[in-house]
Protein backbone atom coordinates (compact mmCIF):
# COMPACT_ATOMS: atom_id res chain seq x y z
CA MET A 1 -182.54 -65.82 12.73
CA GLY A 2 -186.21 -65.53 11.73
CA ASP A 3 -188.38 -67.26 9.14
CA SER A 4 -188.48 -66.37 5.45
CA ARG A 5 -191.53 -64.14 5.78
CA THR A 6 -189.98 -62.10 8.60
CA ILE A 7 -186.72 -61.73 6.69
CA ALA A 8 -188.70 -60.69 3.58
CA HIS A 9 -190.18 -57.83 5.63
CA TYR A 10 -186.68 -56.70 6.63
CA PHE A 11 -185.75 -56.54 2.96
CA ALA A 12 -189.02 -54.82 2.03
CA ASP A 13 -188.24 -52.05 4.54
CA ALA A 14 -184.70 -51.69 3.18
CA LEU A 15 -186.03 -51.52 -0.40
CA LYS A 16 -188.10 -48.42 0.41
CA PHE A 17 -186.19 -45.47 -0.96
CA ASP A 18 -188.15 -42.24 -1.19
CA SER A 19 -185.52 -39.58 -1.94
CA SER A 20 -186.35 -37.72 -5.17
CA SER A 21 -182.75 -36.57 -5.73
CA PRO A 22 -180.47 -39.00 -3.88
CA THR A 23 -176.78 -38.30 -3.49
CA ALA A 24 -174.12 -40.97 -4.09
CA GLU A 25 -173.90 -41.38 -0.30
CA ASP A 26 -177.71 -41.89 -0.06
CA ILE A 27 -177.59 -44.64 -2.68
CA GLU A 28 -174.62 -46.34 -1.03
CA GLU A 29 -176.29 -46.24 2.38
CA HIS A 30 -179.39 -47.85 0.84
CA LEU A 31 -177.31 -50.55 -0.88
CA ASN A 32 -175.29 -51.18 2.27
CA GLN A 33 -178.49 -51.93 4.19
CA LEU A 34 -179.32 -54.53 1.55
CA ARG A 35 -175.77 -55.92 1.68
CA ILE A 36 -175.90 -56.30 5.46
CA LEU A 37 -179.22 -58.17 5.25
CA THR A 38 -177.88 -60.37 2.42
CA LEU A 39 -174.80 -61.27 4.42
CA LYS A 40 -176.74 -61.90 7.63
CA PHE A 41 -179.72 -63.83 6.28
CA GLY A 42 -179.31 -64.53 2.58
CA ILE A 43 -182.13 -63.39 0.30
CA PRO A 44 -185.32 -65.37 0.96
CA ASP A 45 -186.93 -67.07 -2.03
CA VAL A 46 -190.37 -65.57 -1.37
CA LYS A 47 -192.51 -62.74 -2.70
CA ILE A 48 -192.58 -59.43 -0.83
CA ALA A 49 -196.39 -59.58 -0.83
CA ALA A 50 -199.06 -61.68 -2.48
CA GLY A 51 -199.03 -61.08 -6.23
CA SER A 52 -195.88 -58.93 -6.11
CA THR A 53 -192.33 -59.52 -7.28
CA SER A 54 -189.96 -61.76 -5.36
CA VAL A 55 -187.47 -60.35 -2.85
CA ARG A 56 -184.57 -61.74 -4.87
CA GLU A 57 -185.80 -60.09 -8.07
CA ARG A 58 -185.99 -56.66 -6.42
CA VAL A 59 -182.66 -56.97 -4.62
CA TRP A 60 -180.69 -58.34 -7.58
CA LYS A 61 -181.93 -55.46 -9.74
CA CYS A 62 -180.82 -52.99 -7.06
CA PHE A 63 -177.36 -54.53 -6.78
CA LEU A 64 -176.93 -54.68 -10.56
CA ARG A 65 -178.58 -51.25 -11.00
CA THR A 66 -180.62 -52.40 -13.97
CA GLY A 67 -183.84 -50.59 -13.04
CA ASN A 68 -187.07 -51.46 -14.82
CA ALA A 69 -186.56 -53.50 -17.96
CA ASP A 70 -187.24 -51.86 -21.32
CA VAL A 71 -189.56 -54.62 -22.49
CA GLY A 72 -190.08 -53.04 -25.90
CA THR A 73 -186.36 -53.01 -26.65
CA TYR A 74 -186.01 -56.64 -25.59
CA LEU A 75 -188.98 -57.76 -27.69
CA SER A 76 -187.65 -55.93 -30.74
CA LEU A 77 -184.35 -57.81 -30.37
CA VAL A 78 -186.20 -61.12 -29.93
CA ASP A 79 -188.31 -60.40 -33.03
CA ARG A 80 -185.14 -60.34 -35.13
CA GLY A 81 -184.93 -64.10 -34.64
CA LYS A 82 -181.84 -66.19 -35.20
CA SER A 83 -178.50 -64.51 -34.62
CA SER A 84 -175.21 -65.07 -36.44
CA VAL A 85 -174.25 -67.78 -33.90
CA TYR A 86 -177.67 -69.43 -33.62
CA ASP A 87 -176.40 -72.94 -34.42
CA LYS A 88 -173.75 -72.74 -31.75
CA ILE A 89 -176.26 -71.44 -29.19
CA LYS A 90 -178.63 -74.30 -30.06
CA ARG A 91 -175.90 -76.94 -29.59
CA ASP A 92 -174.72 -75.46 -26.30
CA ILE A 93 -178.26 -75.29 -24.88
CA HIS A 94 -178.89 -78.92 -25.81
CA ARG A 95 -175.62 -79.94 -24.13
CA LEU A 96 -176.58 -78.11 -20.91
CA ILE A 97 -180.17 -79.24 -20.54
CA THR A 98 -179.15 -82.89 -21.02
CA SER A 99 -176.51 -82.56 -18.26
CA ASP A 100 -177.13 -83.45 -14.62
CA GLN A 101 -176.91 -79.82 -13.49
CA PRO A 102 -180.26 -79.10 -11.85
CA ILE A 103 -180.69 -75.43 -12.71
CA TYR A 104 -181.08 -76.18 -16.40
CA GLN A 105 -184.08 -78.38 -15.68
CA HIS A 106 -186.03 -75.33 -14.45
CA VAL A 107 -185.60 -73.03 -17.45
CA PRO A 108 -187.34 -73.75 -20.81
CA THR A 109 -184.97 -73.94 -23.78
CA GLU A 110 -187.00 -71.25 -25.58
CA LYS A 111 -185.98 -68.69 -22.94
CA PHE A 112 -182.31 -69.50 -23.41
CA GLU A 113 -182.63 -69.20 -27.17
CA ARG A 114 -184.46 -65.86 -27.04
CA LEU A 115 -182.12 -64.26 -24.49
CA LEU A 116 -178.84 -65.41 -26.04
CA ASN A 117 -179.82 -64.58 -29.64
CA ALA A 118 -181.15 -61.20 -28.48
CA PHE A 119 -177.83 -60.54 -26.75
CA ILE A 120 -175.88 -61.24 -29.94
CA HIS A 121 -178.11 -58.77 -31.83
CA TYR A 122 -177.56 -56.23 -29.02
CA LYS A 123 -173.79 -56.81 -29.04
CA GLU A 124 -173.57 -56.34 -32.80
CA ASP A 125 -175.75 -53.21 -32.71
CA LYS A 126 -173.56 -51.68 -29.98
CA LYS A 127 -170.36 -52.80 -31.79
CA LEU A 128 -169.08 -54.61 -28.72
CA THR A 129 -166.36 -56.26 -30.76
CA LYS A 130 -164.24 -57.33 -27.79
CA ILE A 131 -167.05 -59.54 -26.46
CA SER A 132 -167.75 -62.86 -28.17
CA TYR A 133 -170.32 -65.60 -27.72
CA VAL A 134 -168.76 -68.36 -25.62
CA GLN A 135 -170.26 -71.56 -24.27
CA GLY A 136 -170.24 -70.33 -20.68
CA MET A 137 -172.80 -67.65 -21.44
CA ASN A 138 -175.72 -70.03 -20.97
CA ALA A 139 -174.40 -70.88 -17.51
CA ILE A 140 -174.67 -67.18 -16.61
CA ALA A 141 -178.11 -66.87 -18.21
CA ALA A 142 -179.60 -69.83 -16.32
CA PRO A 143 -179.84 -68.39 -12.76
CA LEU A 144 -181.01 -65.06 -14.15
CA LEU A 145 -183.79 -66.69 -16.18
CA TYR A 146 -184.76 -68.77 -13.15
CA ALA A 147 -184.90 -65.85 -10.69
CA LEU A 148 -186.07 -62.95 -12.88
CA PRO A 149 -188.72 -62.26 -15.54
CA GLU A 150 -187.20 -62.79 -18.96
CA PRO A 151 -186.74 -59.09 -19.96
CA ASP A 152 -185.15 -58.33 -16.57
CA ALA A 153 -182.92 -61.37 -16.94
CA PHE A 154 -181.77 -60.05 -20.33
CA PHE A 155 -180.74 -56.61 -19.04
CA ALA A 156 -179.08 -58.16 -15.98
CA PHE A 157 -177.18 -60.46 -18.36
CA VAL A 158 -176.07 -57.48 -20.48
CA ARG A 159 -174.91 -55.65 -17.36
CA ILE A 160 -172.89 -58.61 -16.08
CA ILE A 161 -171.24 -59.44 -19.41
CA THR A 162 -170.45 -55.91 -20.58
CA LYS A 163 -169.75 -54.07 -17.29
CA HIS A 164 -168.67 -56.57 -14.65
CA CYS A 165 -166.62 -59.20 -16.46
CA PRO A 166 -166.04 -58.44 -20.17
CA MET A 167 -162.65 -60.19 -20.04
CA TYR A 168 -164.41 -63.47 -19.19
CA PHE A 169 -166.33 -63.31 -22.45
CA SER A 170 -163.70 -62.11 -24.88
CA GLU A 171 -162.92 -64.40 -27.81
CA ARG A 172 -160.03 -66.08 -25.97
CA MET A 173 -161.60 -65.76 -22.50
CA GLU A 174 -158.45 -64.11 -21.13
CA GLY A 175 -160.20 -63.21 -17.88
CA VAL A 176 -161.10 -66.82 -17.09
CA TYR A 177 -157.57 -68.03 -17.78
CA ALA A 178 -156.24 -65.15 -15.68
CA GLY A 179 -158.67 -66.25 -12.97
CA THR A 180 -157.33 -69.82 -13.00
CA THR A 181 -153.77 -68.48 -12.70
CA PHE A 182 -154.86 -66.32 -9.81
CA ILE A 183 -156.60 -69.28 -8.12
CA ASP A 184 -153.22 -71.01 -8.17
CA ASP A 185 -151.59 -67.94 -6.62
CA ILE A 186 -154.22 -67.61 -3.87
CA LEU A 187 -154.18 -71.32 -3.01
CA ARG A 188 -150.39 -71.21 -2.72
CA THR A 189 -150.76 -68.27 -0.31
CA VAL A 190 -153.57 -69.53 1.92
CA ASP A 191 -152.96 -73.30 1.86
CA PRO A 192 -149.45 -74.18 0.61
CA GLN A 193 -149.82 -77.85 1.62
CA LEU A 194 -152.94 -78.38 -0.48
CA HIS A 195 -151.42 -76.38 -3.34
CA LYS A 196 -148.33 -78.62 -3.30
CA HIS A 197 -150.48 -81.78 -3.22
CA LEU A 198 -152.54 -80.75 -6.27
CA LYS A 199 -149.39 -79.66 -8.10
CA ALA A 200 -147.77 -83.04 -7.40
CA HIS A 201 -150.77 -84.67 -9.13
CA HIS A 202 -150.42 -82.33 -12.14
CA LEU A 203 -153.66 -80.51 -11.36
CA PRO A 204 -153.35 -76.81 -12.12
CA PRO A 205 -156.60 -74.82 -11.65
CA SER A 206 -157.03 -74.67 -15.44
CA VAL A 207 -157.91 -78.38 -15.18
CA TRP A 208 -160.24 -78.46 -12.16
CA ALA A 209 -161.48 -74.88 -11.64
CA PHE A 210 -162.48 -73.77 -15.15
CA PRO A 211 -166.16 -74.89 -15.17
CA ARG A 212 -166.90 -73.38 -11.76
CA LEU A 213 -165.16 -70.14 -12.64
CA LEU A 214 -166.90 -69.70 -15.98
CA SER A 215 -170.35 -70.47 -14.52
CA PHE A 216 -169.83 -68.44 -11.32
CA CYS A 217 -170.52 -71.69 -9.45
CA ALA A 218 -173.99 -72.04 -11.03
CA SER A 219 -172.93 -75.53 -12.12
CA ASP A 220 -172.97 -76.63 -8.45
CA HIS A 221 -176.04 -77.89 -6.61
CA PRO A 222 -178.48 -77.70 -4.88
CA LEU A 223 -180.00 -74.81 -6.81
CA PHE A 224 -181.00 -72.73 -3.78
CA GLU A 225 -177.40 -72.77 -2.48
CA SER A 226 -176.06 -71.55 -5.84
CA LEU A 227 -178.61 -68.73 -5.76
CA HIS A 228 -177.55 -67.71 -2.23
CA LEU A 229 -173.96 -67.57 -3.43
CA TRP A 230 -175.04 -65.37 -6.33
CA ASP A 231 -176.81 -63.11 -3.80
CA PHE A 232 -173.40 -62.65 -2.18
CA PHE A 233 -171.59 -62.06 -5.51
CA PHE A 234 -174.07 -59.37 -6.57
CA ALA A 235 -173.89 -57.72 -3.15
CA PHE A 236 -170.11 -57.64 -2.81
CA GLY A 237 -168.63 -58.14 -6.30
CA LEU A 238 -168.48 -60.82 -8.99
CA HIS A 239 -164.68 -60.93 -8.69
CA LEU A 240 -165.29 -62.97 -5.50
CA VAL A 241 -165.99 -66.00 -7.68
CA VAL A 242 -162.21 -66.59 -7.62
CA PRO A 243 -161.94 -67.11 -3.83
CA ALA A 244 -165.27 -68.96 -4.02
CA VAL A 245 -163.67 -71.56 -6.30
CA VAL A 246 -160.61 -71.75 -4.04
CA SER A 247 -163.01 -72.31 -1.13
CA GLN A 248 -164.39 -75.46 -2.73
CA ALA A 249 -160.92 -76.99 -2.59
CA ILE A 250 -160.17 -75.77 0.94
CA LEU A 251 -163.50 -76.99 2.36
CA HIS A 252 -162.63 -80.52 1.19
CA ARG A 253 -158.89 -80.34 1.89
CA LYS A 254 -158.78 -83.35 4.27
CA GLU A 255 -160.26 -85.68 1.67
CA LEU A 256 -158.11 -84.17 -1.10
CA LEU A 257 -154.91 -84.58 0.89
CA LYS A 258 -155.70 -88.23 1.65
CA THR A 259 -156.60 -89.31 -1.87
CA THR A 260 -154.29 -90.29 -4.70
CA LYS A 261 -157.00 -89.20 -7.17
CA PRO A 262 -157.78 -85.59 -6.20
CA LEU A 263 -159.30 -84.73 -9.59
CA GLU A 264 -162.09 -87.26 -9.04
CA LYS A 265 -162.78 -85.72 -5.62
CA LEU A 266 -162.82 -82.18 -7.04
CA GLN A 267 -165.26 -83.23 -9.74
CA GLU A 268 -167.32 -85.26 -7.28
CA HIS A 269 -167.77 -82.39 -4.78
CA ARG A 270 -170.31 -80.32 -6.71
CA SER A 271 -172.57 -80.02 -3.66
CA LEU A 272 -172.44 -76.44 -2.42
CA ASP A 273 -172.92 -74.99 1.06
CA ALA A 274 -173.26 -71.24 0.44
CA LYS A 275 -172.88 -70.24 4.10
CA GLN A 276 -169.61 -72.18 4.55
CA THR A 277 -168.33 -70.96 1.18
CA ILE A 278 -169.01 -67.31 2.02
CA LYS A 279 -167.24 -67.69 5.37
CA CYS A 280 -164.24 -69.21 3.58
CA ILE A 281 -164.25 -66.42 0.96
CA ARG A 282 -164.11 -63.80 3.70
CA ASP A 283 -161.23 -65.63 5.40
CA ILE A 284 -159.30 -65.81 2.12
CA THR A 285 -159.73 -62.11 1.29
CA LYS A 286 -158.28 -61.21 4.70
CA LYS A 287 -155.16 -63.29 4.04
CA ILE A 288 -154.21 -62.22 0.53
CA SER A 289 -151.83 -59.32 -0.15
CA GLU A 290 -152.61 -55.85 -1.46
CA ASN A 291 -151.33 -56.81 -4.90
CA GLN A 292 -153.39 -60.01 -4.96
CA HIS A 293 -156.50 -58.06 -3.95
CA SER A 294 -155.85 -55.59 -6.74
CA ILE A 295 -155.54 -58.42 -9.30
CA LEU A 296 -158.70 -60.01 -7.91
CA VAL A 297 -160.67 -56.83 -8.59
CA LEU A 298 -159.13 -56.02 -11.99
CA HIS A 299 -158.69 -59.41 -13.67
CA MET A 300 -162.21 -59.31 -15.12
CA MET A 301 -161.67 -55.91 -16.76
CA ASP A 302 -158.08 -54.94 -17.75
CA HIS A 303 -155.88 -57.89 -16.91
CA GLU A 304 -153.20 -57.09 -19.49
CA LEU A 305 -152.07 -53.78 -18.01
CA HIS A 306 -152.26 -55.00 -14.43
CA LYS A 307 -150.27 -58.14 -15.26
CA HIS A 308 -147.59 -56.02 -16.96
CA LEU A 309 -147.20 -53.74 -13.93
CA LYS A 310 -147.14 -56.73 -11.60
CA ALA A 311 -144.39 -58.39 -13.67
CA HIS A 312 -142.28 -55.29 -13.08
CA HIS A 313 -142.99 -55.36 -9.32
CA LEU A 314 -145.06 -52.19 -9.44
CA PRO A 315 -148.05 -52.40 -7.09
CA PRO A 316 -150.00 -49.12 -6.81
CA SER A 317 -148.32 -48.42 -3.46
CA VAL A 318 -145.15 -47.75 -5.50
CA TRP A 319 -146.40 -45.65 -8.41
CA ALA A 320 -149.76 -44.18 -7.29
CA PHE A 321 -148.98 -42.86 -3.80
CA PRO A 322 -147.85 -39.28 -4.66
CA ARG A 323 -150.82 -38.61 -6.97
CA LEU A 324 -153.26 -40.08 -4.48
CA LEU A 325 -151.91 -38.10 -1.53
CA SER A 326 -151.93 -34.81 -3.47
CA PHE A 327 -155.29 -35.40 -5.19
CA CYS A 328 -153.36 -35.07 -8.49
CA ALA A 329 -152.22 -31.53 -7.57
CA SER A 330 -148.66 -32.74 -8.19
CA ASP A 331 -149.47 -32.95 -11.90
CA HIS A 332 -149.23 -30.03 -14.33
CA PRO A 333 -150.17 -27.66 -15.85
CA LEU A 334 -151.83 -25.94 -12.91
CA PHE A 335 -155.04 -24.98 -14.74
CA GLU A 336 -155.66 -28.65 -15.67
CA SER A 337 -155.21 -29.70 -12.02
CA LEU A 338 -157.68 -27.00 -11.01
CA HIS A 339 -160.24 -28.24 -13.56
CA LEU A 340 -159.85 -31.74 -12.11
CA TRP A 341 -160.36 -30.35 -8.61
CA ASP A 342 -163.54 -28.64 -9.88
CA PHE A 343 -164.74 -32.12 -10.79
CA PHE A 344 -163.67 -33.63 -7.44
CA PHE A 345 -165.46 -30.93 -5.44
CA ALA A 346 -168.59 -31.26 -7.59
CA PHE A 347 -168.86 -35.07 -7.48
CA GLY A 348 -166.73 -36.29 -4.58
CA LEU A 349 -163.09 -36.41 -3.50
CA HIS A 350 -163.25 -40.22 -3.54
CA LEU A 351 -162.96 -39.95 -7.35
CA VAL A 352 -159.24 -39.30 -6.94
CA VAL A 353 -158.84 -43.11 -6.94
CA PRO A 354 -160.19 -43.70 -10.48
CA ALA A 355 -158.39 -40.46 -11.48
CA VAL A 356 -155.08 -42.09 -10.57
CA VAL A 357 -156.07 -45.30 -12.38
CA SER A 358 -156.92 -43.13 -15.40
CA GLN A 359 -153.35 -41.88 -15.64
CA ALA A 360 -152.19 -45.45 -16.18
CA ILE A 361 -155.00 -46.34 -18.59
CA LEU A 362 -154.52 -43.18 -20.70
CA HIS A 363 -150.90 -44.22 -21.27
CA ARG A 364 -151.46 -47.98 -21.41
CA LYS A 365 -149.99 -48.47 -24.92
CA GLU A 366 -146.69 -46.88 -23.91
CA LEU A 367 -146.68 -48.72 -20.58
CA LEU A 368 -147.26 -52.10 -22.24
CA LYS A 369 -144.42 -51.50 -24.69
CA THR A 370 -141.76 -50.35 -22.23
CA THR A 371 -139.51 -52.45 -20.03
CA LYS A 372 -139.32 -49.53 -17.56
CA PRO A 373 -142.97 -48.70 -16.76
CA LEU A 374 -142.10 -46.90 -13.51
CA GLU A 375 -140.12 -44.31 -15.45
CA LYS A 376 -143.07 -43.79 -17.79
CA LEU A 377 -145.51 -43.47 -14.89
CA GLN A 378 -143.27 -40.89 -13.23
CA GLU A 379 -142.64 -39.12 -16.54
CA HIS A 380 -146.34 -38.67 -17.40
CA ARG A 381 -147.17 -35.91 -14.95
CA SER A 382 -148.79 -33.78 -17.64
CA LEU A 383 -152.53 -33.78 -17.03
CA ASP A 384 -155.46 -33.47 -19.44
CA ALA A 385 -158.45 -32.89 -17.15
CA LYS A 386 -161.06 -33.49 -19.86
CA GLN A 387 -159.61 -36.86 -20.88
CA THR A 388 -159.10 -37.86 -17.25
CA ILE A 389 -162.70 -37.03 -16.31
CA LYS A 390 -163.98 -39.04 -19.29
CA CYS A 391 -161.82 -41.99 -18.20
CA ILE A 392 -163.03 -41.66 -14.58
CA ARG A 393 -166.63 -41.84 -15.77
CA ASP A 394 -165.86 -44.92 -17.88
CA ILE A 395 -164.18 -46.61 -14.90
CA THR A 396 -167.05 -45.90 -12.50
CA LYS A 397 -169.47 -47.48 -14.98
CA LYS A 398 -167.39 -50.68 -15.11
CA ILE A 399 -166.68 -51.32 -11.43
CA SER A 400 -168.97 -53.46 -9.31
CA GLU A 401 -171.44 -52.07 -6.78
CA ASN A 402 -169.23 -53.28 -3.96
CA GLN A 403 -166.18 -51.57 -5.43
CA HIS A 404 -168.17 -48.36 -5.81
CA SER A 405 -169.30 -48.56 -2.20
CA ILE A 406 -165.72 -49.03 -0.97
CA LEU A 407 -164.61 -46.18 -3.24
CA VAL A 408 -167.10 -43.82 -1.59
CA LEU A 409 -166.47 -44.96 1.97
CA HIS A 410 -162.71 -45.64 2.16
CA MET A 411 -161.87 -42.01 3.04
CA MET A 412 -164.41 -41.73 5.85
CA ASP A 413 -165.14 -45.13 7.34
CA HIS A 414 -162.27 -46.39 9.48
CA GLU A 415 -163.44 -50.02 9.35
CA VAL A 416 -163.64 -50.00 5.55
CA ALA A 417 -160.17 -48.47 5.31
CA GLN A 418 -158.73 -51.02 7.73
CA GLU A 419 -160.14 -53.90 5.63
CA LEU A 420 -158.17 -52.54 2.66
CA VAL A 421 -154.85 -52.01 4.46
CA PRO A 422 -152.42 -54.87 3.74
CA ILE A 423 -151.33 -56.98 6.74
CA HIS A 424 -147.67 -55.89 6.38
CA VAL A 425 -148.73 -52.22 6.63
CA LYS A 426 -151.05 -52.80 9.60
CA GLY A 427 -148.13 -54.23 11.54
CA LYS A 428 -146.08 -51.05 11.24
């Protein structure tokens, strides 16, 4: 497969991007080259050239789209000192660095303190009231502080918490609890025998999966394997932490099925093999249904609405199909549809997908209240192009790089489209 230095050169070539005014397709092609290399080789833990930045630093920043860190902004936040939750941060850092988790031995406590307190100042300045400080935040900060310069780690941290998985860091951590419920659902689908065995021993995922889920598997070891798994998450989407946690059970299923103390085994197996885990993740995502895949993608962002529609047996194939097929031309009044088409032609027809999602989000209060959401979804055919476009822009800022890539390519690339088609539809 090549040594680290050779692989670093492959990445260096892929990181060269000279276009002065790149289109969305140009950016996605560039990112896809990096994704292919990440999947094939993993990101080597070496510098691109003597005295330069590391390959991982450059690639992570591309995947997260954080650009060059605004060092001045970060330092001004750090200079404000202790935040409103300083004591809690201090206790949580002490708890982590005295644990046996190796990554915390490589990052000075001062870096944790500066980054986490700066984030609280940032959150309060931006009035991000739905995001709260929770203990798991230091687990997310640790790999970033290890792999990136501190200001870059801060802006990567902000991007992950606020854009990729805000539901994981709400006051009640609804996203994490939704993730544990979904782990149960996936395990029942892909390995019913193992699911039954764990259930018989009163081991729901909320008992054994929570730490891995909240830390995105950074609590596993050895460190370099955790980092390779994070390479994969950043390349293809942080929502894949859910099948990653399921994978840790499946990869040890023989031992788990034999033992009468499966919890001990699940806690004991903290040793990670990133390559095997990624292979297992890919196998799982091929086996789950369309609805499960939709939950997987959305549970970090707007779990409440998705859960409500699921409870009423309303996957998007039921309520979204007409709008999607007509590019929202089936909505009215006509001049609003035309304004939306102006936007599609200007920025890409693929944006019909978040446009359809917008119609649900713009009426979410009514949908959450009603016991007949399908009627409401069919009733709301009146379009406000301006509001819809604003919602589309908000959605595209929140989705992962992998989701954005699929969004752009699903209309043109047959292989991408086939990966998204549910098994029951492929068989028709």
